[in-house]
């Protein structure tokens, strides 16, 4: 299951939201591997 551009954690241009999305994707990818 991939949660990235399809289902972002937070939809906004704020750097904090972008960082939150990156963190979520990294955790999910690490757990999936």
PDB file of N, CA and C in Angstrom:
ATOM      1  N   UNK A   1       0.861  -1.195   0.000  1.00  0.00           N
ATOM      2  CA  UNK A   1       0.000   0.000   0.000  1.00  0.00           C
ATOM      3  C   UNK A   1       0.888   1.233   0.000  1.00  0.00           C
ATOM      4  N   UNK A   2       0.617   2.144  -0.903  1.00  0.00           N
ATOM      5  CA  UNK A   2       1.428   3.356  -0.993  1.00  0.00           C
ATOM      6  C   UNK A   2       0.590   4.588  -0.714  1.00  0.00           C
ATOM      7  N   UNK A   3       1.016   5.388   0.258  1.00  0.00           N
ATOM      8  CA  UNK A   3       0.322   6.639   0.569  1.00  0.00           C
ATOM      9  C   UNK A   3       1.258   7.792   0.237  1.00  0.00           C
ATOM     10  N   UNK A   4       1.104   8.332  -0.944  1.00  0.00           N
ATOM     11  CA  UNK A   4       1.961   9.445  -1.350  1.00  0.00           C
ATOM     12  C   UNK A   4       1.125  10.517  -1.997  1.00  0.00           C
ATOM     13  N   UNK A   5       1.303  10.690  -3.305  1.00  0.00           N
ATOM     14  CA  UNK A   5       0.540  11.710  -4.019  1.00  0.00           C
ATOM     15  C   UNK A   5      -0.940  11.331  -4.087  1.00  0.00           C
ATOM     16  N   UNK A   6      -1.229  10.022  -4.066  1.00  0.00           N
ATOM     17  CA  UNK A   6      -2.620   9.578  -4.138  1.00  0.00           C
ATOM     18  C   UNK A   6      -3.395   9.989  -2.890  1.00  0.00           C
ATOM     19  N   UNK A   7      -2.802   9.754  -1.717  1.00  0.00           N
ATOM     20  CA  UNK A   7      -3.484  10.083  -0.455  1.00  0.00           C
ATOM     21  C   UNK A   7      -2.521  10.775   0.493  1.00  0.00           C
ATOM     22  N   UNK A   8      -2.247  12.033   0.266  1.00  0.00           N
ATOM     23  CA  UNK A   8      -1.329  12.774   1.139  1.00  0.00           C
ATOM     24  C   UNK A   8      -1.904  12.943   2.540  1.00  0.00           C
ATOM     25  N   UNK A   9      -1.022  13.001   3.531  1.00  0.00           N
ATOM     26  CA  UNK A   9      -1.460  13.187   4.916  1.00  0.00           C
ATOM     27  C   UNK A   9      -2.077  14.568   5.073  1.00  0.00           C
ATOM     28  N   UNK A  10      -1.436  15.550   4.464  1.00  0.00           N
ATOM     29  CA  UNK A  10      -1.960  16.913   4.553  1.00  0.00           C
ATOM     30  C   UNK A  10      -1.806  17.586   3.194  1.00  0.00           C
ATOM     31  N   UNK A  11      -2.886  18.151   2.692  1.00  0.00           N
ATOM     32  CA  UNK A  11      -2.847  18.782   1.378  1.00  0.00           C
ATOM     33  C   UNK A  11      -2.676  20.293   1.534  1.00  0.00           C
ATOM     34  N   UNK A  12      -1.458  20.755   1.378  1.00  0.00           N
ATOM     35  CA  UNK A  12      -1.177  22.190   1.446  1.00  0.00           C
ATOM     36  C   UNK A  12       0.250  22.433   0.992  1.00  0.00           C
ATOM     37  N   UNK A  13       0.597  23.692   0.769  1.00  0.00           N
ATOM     38  CA  UNK A  13       1.933  24.036   0.298  1.00  0.00           C
ATOM     39  C   UNK A  13       2.867  24.404   1.449  1.00  0.00           C
ATOM     40  N   UNK A  14       2.372  24.260   2.683  1.00  0.00           N
ATOM     41  CA  UNK A  14       3.198  24.608   3.836  1.00  0.00           C
ATOM     42  C   UNK A  14       4.317  23.579   3.990  1.00  0.00           C
ATOM     43  N   UNK A  15       5.510  24.043   4.344  1.00  0.00           N
ATOM     44  CA  UNK A  15       6.652  23.137   4.499  1.00  0.00           C
ATOM     45  C   UNK A  15       6.403  22.118   5.592  1.00  0.00           C
ATOM     46  N   UNK A  16       5.658  22.490   6.620  1.00  0.00           N
ATOM     47  CA  UNK A  16       5.378  21.557   7.716  1.00  0.00           C
ATOM     48  C   UNK A  16       4.512  20.407   7.215  1.00  0.00           C
ATOM     49  N   UNK A  17       3.539  20.718   6.337  1.00  0.00           N
ATOM     50  CA  UNK A  17       2.671  19.678   5.785  1.00  0.00           C
ATOM     51  C   UNK A  17       3.480  18.765   4.875  1.00  0.00           C
ATOM     52  N   UNK A  18       4.377  19.358   4.091  1.00  0.00           N
ATOM     53  CA  UNK A  18       5.214  18.576   3.187  1.00  0.00           C
ATOM     54  C   UNK A  18       6.095  17.617   3.984  1.00  0.00           C
ATOM     55  N   UNK A  19       6.657  18.123   5.070  1.00  0.00           N
ATOM     56  CA  UNK A  19       7.512  17.294   5.916  1.00  0.00           C
ATOM     57  C   UNK A  19       6.712  16.153   6.525  1.00  0.00           C
ATOM     58  N   UNK A  20       5.475  16.440   6.915  1.00  0.00           N
ATOM     59  CA  UNK A  20       4.618  15.419   7.512  1.00  0.00           C
ATOM     60  C   UNK A  20       4.360  14.309   6.493  1.00  0.00           C
ATOM     61  N   UNK A  21       4.098  14.687   5.253  1.00  0.00           N
ATOM     62  CA  UNK A  21       3.857  13.706   4.195  1.00  0.00           C
ATOM     63  C   UNK A  21       5.107  12.856   3.971  1.00  0.00           C
ATOM     64  N   UNK A  22       6.268  13.493   3.912  1.00  0.00           N
ATOM     65  CA  UNK A  22       7.512  12.774   3.693  1.00  0.00           C
ATOM     66  C   UNK A  22       7.758  11.763   4.809  1.00  0.00           C
ATOM     67  N   UNK A  23       7.499  12.190   6.050  1.00  0.00           N
ATOM     68  CA  UNK A  23       7.716  11.321   7.197  1.00  0.00           C
ATOM     69  C   UNK A  23       6.803  10.096   7.116  1.00  0.00           C
ATOM     70  N   UNK A  24       5.543  10.316   6.777  1.00  0.00           N
ATOM     71  CA  UNK A  24       4.574   9.224   6.700  1.00  0.00           C
ATOM     72  C   UNK A  24       4.980   8.228   5.613  1.00  0.00           C
ATOM     73  N   UNK A  25       5.397   8.740   4.464  1.00  0.00           N
ATOM     74  CA  UNK A  25       5.790   7.876   3.353  1.00  0.00           C
ATOM     75  C   UNK A  25       7.026   7.059   3.727  1.00  0.00           C
ATOM     76  N   UNK A  26       7.986   7.695   4.393  1.00  0.00           N
ATOM     77  CA  UNK A  26       9.214   7.003   4.785  1.00  0.00           C
ATOM     78  C   UNK A  26       8.912   5.873   5.753  1.00  0.00           C
ATOM     79  N   UNK A  27       8.050   6.130   6.725  1.00  0.00           N
ATOM     80  CA  UNK A  27       7.693   5.117   7.723  1.00  0.00           C
ATOM     81  C   UNK A  27       6.982   3.947   7.056  1.00  0.00           C
ATOM     82  N   UNK A  28       6.020   4.245   6.168  1.00  0.00           N
ATOM     83  CA  UNK A  28       5.264   3.193   5.493  1.00  0.00           C
ATOM     84  C   UNK A  28       6.176   2.361   4.593  1.00  0.00           C
ATOM     85  N   UNK A  29       7.076   3.018   3.881  1.00  0.00           N
ATOM     86  CA  UNK A  29       7.979   2.295   2.992  1.00  0.00           C
ATOM     87  C   UNK A  29       8.920   1.404   3.800  1.00  0.00           C
ATOM     88  N   UNK A  30       9.401   1.920   4.933  1.00  0.00           N
ATOM     89  CA  UNK A  30      10.309   1.148   5.774  1.00  0.00           C
ATOM     90  C   UNK A  30       9.612  -0.070   6.357  1.00  0.00           C
ATOM     91  N   UNK A  31       8.356   0.089   6.760  1.00  0.00           N
ATOM     92  CA  UNK A  31       7.598  -1.008   7.354  1.00  0.00           C
ATOM     93  C   UNK A  31       7.220  -2.035   6.287  1.00  0.00           C
ATOM     94  N   UNK A  32       7.023  -1.569   5.060  1.00  0.00           N
ATOM     95  CA  UNK A  32       6.612  -2.465   3.985  1.00  0.00           C
ATOM     96  C   UNK A  32       7.761  -3.300   3.451  1.00  0.00           C
ATOM     97  N   UNK A  33       8.987  -2.790   3.601  1.00  0.00           N
ATOM     98  CA  UNK A  33      10.141  -3.520   3.075  1.00  0.00           C
ATOM     99  C   UNK A  33      10.449  -4.734   3.941  1.00  0.00           C
TER     100      UNK A  33
END
